[in-house]
Amino acid sequence: MNIYLVFLFAGIIILGALVLFLMTMGNKKRKTLDVEKFRARCLEIEHQLKEEDPASYHMSVLNADKLVDQAMRERGIKGETMGERLRSAVSLFSDRNGVWLAHKLRNRIAHEENVNVTYIEAKSALGCFRKALKDLGAI
């Protein structure tokens, strides 16, 4: 009779450990993001863009790119750089080309001298970054 209780107790412990393991694995599939934080920051960046202030074009694109990168990192998307994370997450984006073009514009701003960005280009990039944030579940 004692041997049956030992097996029953061991079975309960093993089953409990298995359930706990499955619950923690399920949580790692998709990390949730602080939507309000991302939404507020996205709006701040969009309000930074002023047609009469060409310097705002660069800053808003740089900041929007950083925000998308932060969302990807918080979602646990693998990659050492944003470009690598974009490649890892390509299937998540509804406008893959748009987010890539927006990121390439960011790279031009960050790495080239005297980059001329128009208001329309900056506004378009912000739209692509906004869509990427929606696709990531950040806003």
Protein backbone atom coordinates (compact mmCIF):
# COMPACT_ATOMS: atom_id res chain seq x y z
CA MET A 1 0.00 0.00 0.00
CA ASN A 2 2.85 2.44 0.83
CA ILE A 3 4.46 1.84 -2.56
CA TYR A 4 1.24 2.95 -4.30
CA LEU A 5 1.23 6.20 -2.34
CA VAL A 6 4.85 6.86 -3.32
CA PHE A 7 4.05 6.31 -7.01
CA LEU A 8 0.91 8.45 -6.75
CA PHE A 9 2.84 11.27 -5.06
CA ALA A 10 5.67 11.05 -7.63
CA GLY A 11 3.14 11.09 -10.48
CA ILE A 12 1.44 14.19 -9.07
CA ILE A 13 4.79 15.97 -8.76
CA ILE A 14 5.83 15.04 -12.30
CA LEU A 15 2.46 16.12 -13.71
CA GLY A 16 2.65 19.43 -11.82
CA ALA A 17 6.16 20.09 -13.10
CA LEU A 18 5.04 19.32 -16.67
CA VAL A 19 2.08 21.73 -16.41
CA LEU A 20 4.33 24.45 -14.98
CA PHE A 21 6.87 23.92 -17.76
CA LEU A 22 4.19 24.14 -20.47
CA MET A 23 2.76 27.32 -18.93
CA THR A 24 6.13 29.08 -18.90
CA MET A 25 6.92 27.98 -22.47
CA GLY A 26 3.60 29.39 -23.67
CA ASN A 27 4.46 32.81 -22.21
CA LYS A 28 7.73 32.98 -24.16
CA LYS A 29 6.08 32.68 -27.57
CA ARG A 30 4.98 36.30 -27.71
CA LYS A 31 5.99 38.82 -25.13
CA THR A 32 3.43 41.52 -24.52
CA LEU A 33 4.45 45.13 -24.83
CA ASP A 34 3.39 48.21 -22.89
CA VAL A 35 1.01 49.54 -25.54
CA GLU A 36 0.34 52.84 -23.78
CA LYS A 37 4.05 53.60 -23.48
CA PHE A 38 4.64 52.87 -27.16
CA ARG A 39 1.53 54.75 -28.27
CA ALA A 40 2.51 57.85 -26.29
CA ARG A 41 6.07 57.80 -27.62
CA CYS A 42 4.85 57.27 -31.19
CA LEU A 43 2.56 60.31 -30.91
CA GLU A 44 5.42 62.39 -29.48
CA ILE A 45 7.60 61.47 -32.45
CA GLU A 46 4.84 62.23 -34.95
CA HIS A 47 4.32 65.65 -33.32
CA GLN A 48 8.08 66.30 -33.59
CA LEU A 49 7.77 66.37 -37.37
CA LYS A 50 7.14 69.97 -38.46
CA GLU A 51 6.95 70.86 -42.13
CA GLU A 52 8.55 74.27 -41.47
CA ASP A 53 11.49 72.69 -39.58
CA PRO A 54 13.71 70.51 -41.83
CA ALA A 55 15.84 69.45 -38.84
CA SER A 56 12.76 67.77 -37.41
CA TYR A 57 12.63 65.45 -40.42
CA HIS A 58 15.88 63.77 -39.41
CA MET A 59 15.12 63.58 -35.70
CA SER A 60 11.64 62.14 -36.15
CA VAL A 61 12.89 59.39 -38.50
CA LEU A 62 15.78 58.51 -36.17
CA ASN A 63 13.49 58.39 -33.14
CA ALA A 64 10.80 56.34 -34.89
CA ASP A 65 13.40 53.82 -36.02
CA LYS A 66 14.67 53.52 -32.43
CA LEU A 67 11.12 52.95 -31.19
CA VAL A 68 10.51 50.11 -33.65
CA ASP A 69 13.85 48.58 -32.70
CA GLN A 70 12.93 48.80 -29.01
CA ALA A 71 9.61 47.07 -29.69
CA MET A 72 11.38 44.27 -31.58
CA ARG A 73 13.91 43.80 -28.78
CA GLU A 74 11.16 43.73 -26.15
CA ARG A 75 9.26 41.18 -28.23
CA GLY A 76 12.38 39.02 -28.10
CA ILE A 77 13.13 39.13 -31.82
CA LYS A 78 16.60 37.80 -32.42
CA GLY A 79 19.43 39.74 -34.01
CA GLU A 80 22.43 41.84 -33.06
CA THR A 81 21.37 44.86 -35.12
CA MET A 82 18.07 46.29 -36.17
CA GLY A 83 18.70 45.06 -39.71
CA GLU A 84 19.12 41.50 -38.41
CA ARG A 85 15.99 41.84 -36.28
CA LEU A 86 14.06 43.11 -39.31
CA ARG A 87 15.18 40.06 -41.28
CA SER A 88 14.15 37.77 -38.39
CA ALA A 89 10.73 39.40 -38.14
CA VAL A 90 10.01 39.94 -41.83
CA SER A 91 6.93 37.70 -41.72
CA LEU A 92 5.37 39.89 -38.99
CA PHE A 93 5.21 43.01 -41.13
CA SER A 94 2.29 43.77 -43.43
CA ASP A 95 4.45 46.30 -45.35
CA ARG A 96 7.87 44.66 -45.47
CA ASN A 97 9.19 46.98 -48.16
CA GLY A 98 7.95 50.06 -46.35
CA VAL A 99 9.66 49.27 -43.06
CA TRP A 100 12.88 48.42 -44.92
CA LEU A 101 12.77 51.69 -46.89
CA ALA A 102 12.12 53.64 -43.69
CA HIS A 103 15.06 51.93 -41.98
CA LYS A 104 17.29 52.60 -45.01
CA LEU A 105 16.32 56.28 -44.80
CA ARG A 106 17.35 56.20 -41.15
CA ASN A 107 20.69 54.68 -42.14
CA ARG A 108 21.28 57.39 -44.72
CA ILE A 109 20.53 60.07 -42.11
CA ALA A 110 22.79 58.42 -39.53
CA HIS A 111 25.74 57.57 -41.75
CA GLU A 112 25.89 60.02 -44.66
CA GLU A 113 26.78 63.68 -44.58
CA ASN A 114 24.44 66.36 -45.92
CA VAL A 115 21.51 64.02 -46.49
CA ASN A 116 18.57 65.89 -47.96
CA VAL A 117 15.30 64.47 -46.64
CA THR A 118 12.00 65.97 -47.73
CA TYR A 119 8.97 66.40 -45.52
CA ILE A 120 7.10 63.85 -47.66
CA GLU A 121 9.89 61.25 -47.24
CA ALA A 122 9.97 61.75 -43.48
CA LYS A 123 6.18 61.60 -43.17
CA SER A 124 6.08 58.44 -45.29
CA ALA A 125 8.81 56.81 -43.16
CA LEU A 126 6.88 57.66 -39.99
CA GLY A 127 3.79 56.02 -41.50
CA CYS A 128 5.77 52.87 -42.24
CA PHE A 129 7.24 52.81 -38.74
CA ARG A 130 3.74 53.30 -37.26
CA LYS A 131 2.44 50.35 -39.30
CA ALA A 132 5.40 48.24 -38.11
CA LEU A 133 4.58 49.11 -34.49
CA LYS A 134 0.98 47.99 -35.06
CA ASP A 135 2.19 44.76 -36.64
CA LEU A 136 4.41 44.12 -33.62
CA GLY A 137 1.50 44.70 -31.23
CA ALA A 138 3.19 47.76 -29.72
CA ILE A 139 0.37 50.19 -30.56
